[in-house]
Amino acid sequence: MTRQSALVTSEDQALDDLLLEWFRWEAQYSGEKWYSNRDATCGGSASSRQWMSTDDIHEASVDAWQMQQVAAAMEAISGDHALAIRVECRNRLGPGVWRNPRAGLRQPLAYAAAKVAIRPWIVKFGVEY
């Protein structure tokens, strides 16, 4: 069991979880309809969603909206802050071998500063976490 610092609040953990969820969403998403990471012959197809409940459809659309708002918040912050968030998320998904060339050993501090910078944008765009 890993021990968490007393300085980490539940709000910080919720923001970490939201940013990690956004990173996963961004990694699988391809914004170009005909240049997606799927088979080109099926690039424009979509499921009918008839097998999903109304609650599932609503939840999926809310999640997609939230991820789009987090993406907009990422575009609103500086490049250094965005890089710190991306490096931290990539390291949380797999082996922690990714390094931030701009922060070096100060990556934890850069990530903390990036969370401070992105939090007002996320709140401004209406995302609850």
Protein backbone atom coordinates (compact mmCIF):
# COMPACT_ATOMS: atom_id res chain seq x y z
CA MET A 1 0.00 0.00 0.00
CA THR A 2 1.45 3.35 -1.00
CA ARG A 3 1.30 6.08 1.54
CA GLN A 4 -0.02 9.43 0.43
CA SER A 5 1.39 12.70 1.68
CA ALA A 6 -0.72 14.62 4.19
CA LEU A 7 -0.29 17.65 1.90
CA VAL A 8 -2.33 16.00 -0.87
CA THR A 9 -5.99 16.89 -0.47
CA SER A 10 -8.98 15.07 -1.91
CA GLU A 11 -9.44 18.02 -4.31
CA ASP A 12 -5.86 17.55 -5.54
CA GLN A 13 -6.49 13.83 -6.01
CA ALA A 14 -9.72 14.55 -7.89
CA LEU A 15 -7.87 16.96 -10.21
CA ASP A 16 -5.14 14.35 -10.75
CA ASP A 17 -7.80 11.80 -11.67
CA LEU A 18 -9.53 14.24 -14.05
CA LEU A 19 -6.26 15.10 -15.81
CA LEU A 20 -5.36 11.42 -16.15
CA GLU A 21 -8.81 10.65 -17.54
CA TRP A 22 -8.37 13.53 -20.03
CA PHE A 23 -4.93 12.20 -21.04
CA ARG A 24 -6.39 8.75 -21.74
CA TRP A 25 -9.23 10.32 -23.72
CA GLU A 26 -6.82 12.46 -25.74
CA ALA A 27 -4.54 9.51 -26.47
CA GLN A 28 -7.34 7.52 -28.10
CA TYR A 29 -9.02 10.44 -29.85
CA SER A 30 -8.23 11.50 -33.39
CA GLY A 31 -9.86 14.76 -34.41
CA GLU A 32 -9.73 14.19 -38.16
CA LYS A 33 -12.68 12.20 -39.46
CA TRP A 34 -10.87 10.48 -42.31
CA TYR A 35 -7.43 10.36 -40.67
CA SER A 36 -8.36 8.49 -37.53
CA ASN A 37 -6.47 5.75 -35.79
CA ARG A 38 -9.10 3.29 -37.02
CA ASP A 39 -9.54 1.50 -40.33
CA ALA A 40 -10.06 4.09 -43.07
CA THR A 41 -12.94 2.14 -44.60
CA CYS A 42 -14.92 2.53 -41.38
CA GLY A 43 -13.83 6.06 -40.43
CA GLY A 44 -17.30 7.59 -40.75
CA SER A 45 -19.30 4.79 -39.15
CA ALA A 46 -20.92 4.92 -35.75
CA SER A 47 -22.85 2.54 -33.55
CA SER A 48 -26.59 2.97 -33.22
CA ARG A 49 -26.29 3.00 -29.40
CA GLN A 50 -29.59 1.09 -29.16
CA TRP A 51 -27.96 -1.34 -26.76
CA MET A 52 -27.15 1.50 -24.32
CA SER A 53 -29.51 2.75 -21.65
CA THR A 54 -30.55 6.39 -21.63
CA ASP A 55 -28.41 6.93 -18.52
CA ASP A 56 -25.36 5.44 -20.27
CA ILE A 57 -25.86 7.68 -23.30
CA HIS A 58 -26.24 10.74 -21.09
CA GLU A 59 -23.17 9.86 -19.02
CA ALA A 60 -21.07 9.31 -22.15
CA SER A 61 -22.10 12.66 -23.58
CA VAL A 62 -21.36 14.46 -20.30
CA ASP A 63 -17.96 12.75 -20.10
CA ALA A 64 -17.16 13.76 -23.69
CA TRP A 65 -18.18 17.35 -22.95
CA GLN A 66 -15.99 17.43 -19.84
CA MET A 67 -12.99 16.09 -21.72
CA GLN A 68 -13.45 18.77 -24.40
CA GLN A 69 -13.51 21.44 -21.69
CA VAL A 70 -10.33 20.07 -20.10
CA ALA A 71 -8.72 20.09 -23.56
CA ALA A 72 -9.69 23.76 -23.92
CA ALA A 73 -8.19 24.47 -20.48
CA MET A 74 -4.97 22.74 -21.56
CA GLU A 75 -4.79 25.05 -24.56
CA ALA A 76 -5.32 28.08 -22.30
CA ILE A 77 -2.31 27.41 -20.04
CA SER A 78 1.34 27.91 -20.94
CA GLY A 79 3.30 25.33 -22.87
CA ASP A 80 5.52 24.59 -19.87
CA HIS A 81 2.50 23.83 -17.70
CA ALA A 82 0.89 21.68 -20.39
CA LEU A 83 4.14 19.73 -20.82
CA ALA A 84 4.37 19.14 -17.07
CA ILE A 85 0.84 17.73 -17.02
CA ARG A 86 1.43 15.51 -20.07
CA VAL A 87 4.69 14.09 -18.67
CA GLU A 88 3.10 13.39 -15.28
CA CYS A 89 0.10 11.64 -16.86
CA ARG A 90 2.26 9.57 -19.20
CA ASN A 91 4.38 8.43 -16.27
CA ARG A 92 1.28 7.48 -14.27
CA LEU A 93 0.02 5.26 -17.10
CA GLY A 94 3.15 3.18 -17.42
CA PRO A 95 6.72 2.98 -16.35
CA GLY A 96 7.88 6.37 -15.12
CA VAL A 97 10.60 6.82 -17.70
CA TRP A 98 9.36 10.03 -19.31
CA ARG A 99 11.26 13.19 -18.42
CA ASN A 100 10.36 16.83 -18.75
CA PRO A 101 13.32 18.52 -20.47
CA ARG A 102 12.18 21.94 -19.30
CA ALA A 103 11.83 21.02 -15.63
CA GLY A 104 14.35 18.24 -15.11
CA LEU A 105 14.37 17.11 -11.49
CA ARG A 106 11.84 19.83 -10.64
CA GLN A 107 9.04 17.93 -12.45
CA PRO A 108 6.98 17.45 -9.25
CA LEU A 109 7.13 21.20 -8.61
CA ALA A 110 6.33 21.96 -12.26
CA TYR A 111 3.33 19.62 -12.11
CA ALA A 112 2.07 21.25 -8.91
CA ALA A 113 2.40 24.69 -10.53
CA ALA A 114 0.59 23.41 -13.63
CA LYS A 115 -2.31 22.17 -11.50
CA VAL A 116 -2.54 25.61 -9.87
CA ALA A 117 -2.55 27.20 -13.34
CA ILE A 118 -5.18 24.91 -14.88
CA ARG A 119 -7.60 24.75 -11.93
CA PRO A 120 -9.19 28.21 -12.57
CA TRP A 121 -9.64 27.39 -16.26
CA ILE A 122 -11.33 24.11 -15.50
CA VAL A 123 -13.68 25.84 -13.06
CA LYS A 124 -14.31 28.65 -15.58
CA PHE A 125 -15.31 26.12 -18.24
CA GLY A 126 -17.80 24.51 -15.84
CA VAL A 127 -16.15 21.16 -15.20
CA GLU A 128 -16.89 19.65 -11.81
CA TYR A 129 -14.42 17.17 -10.39
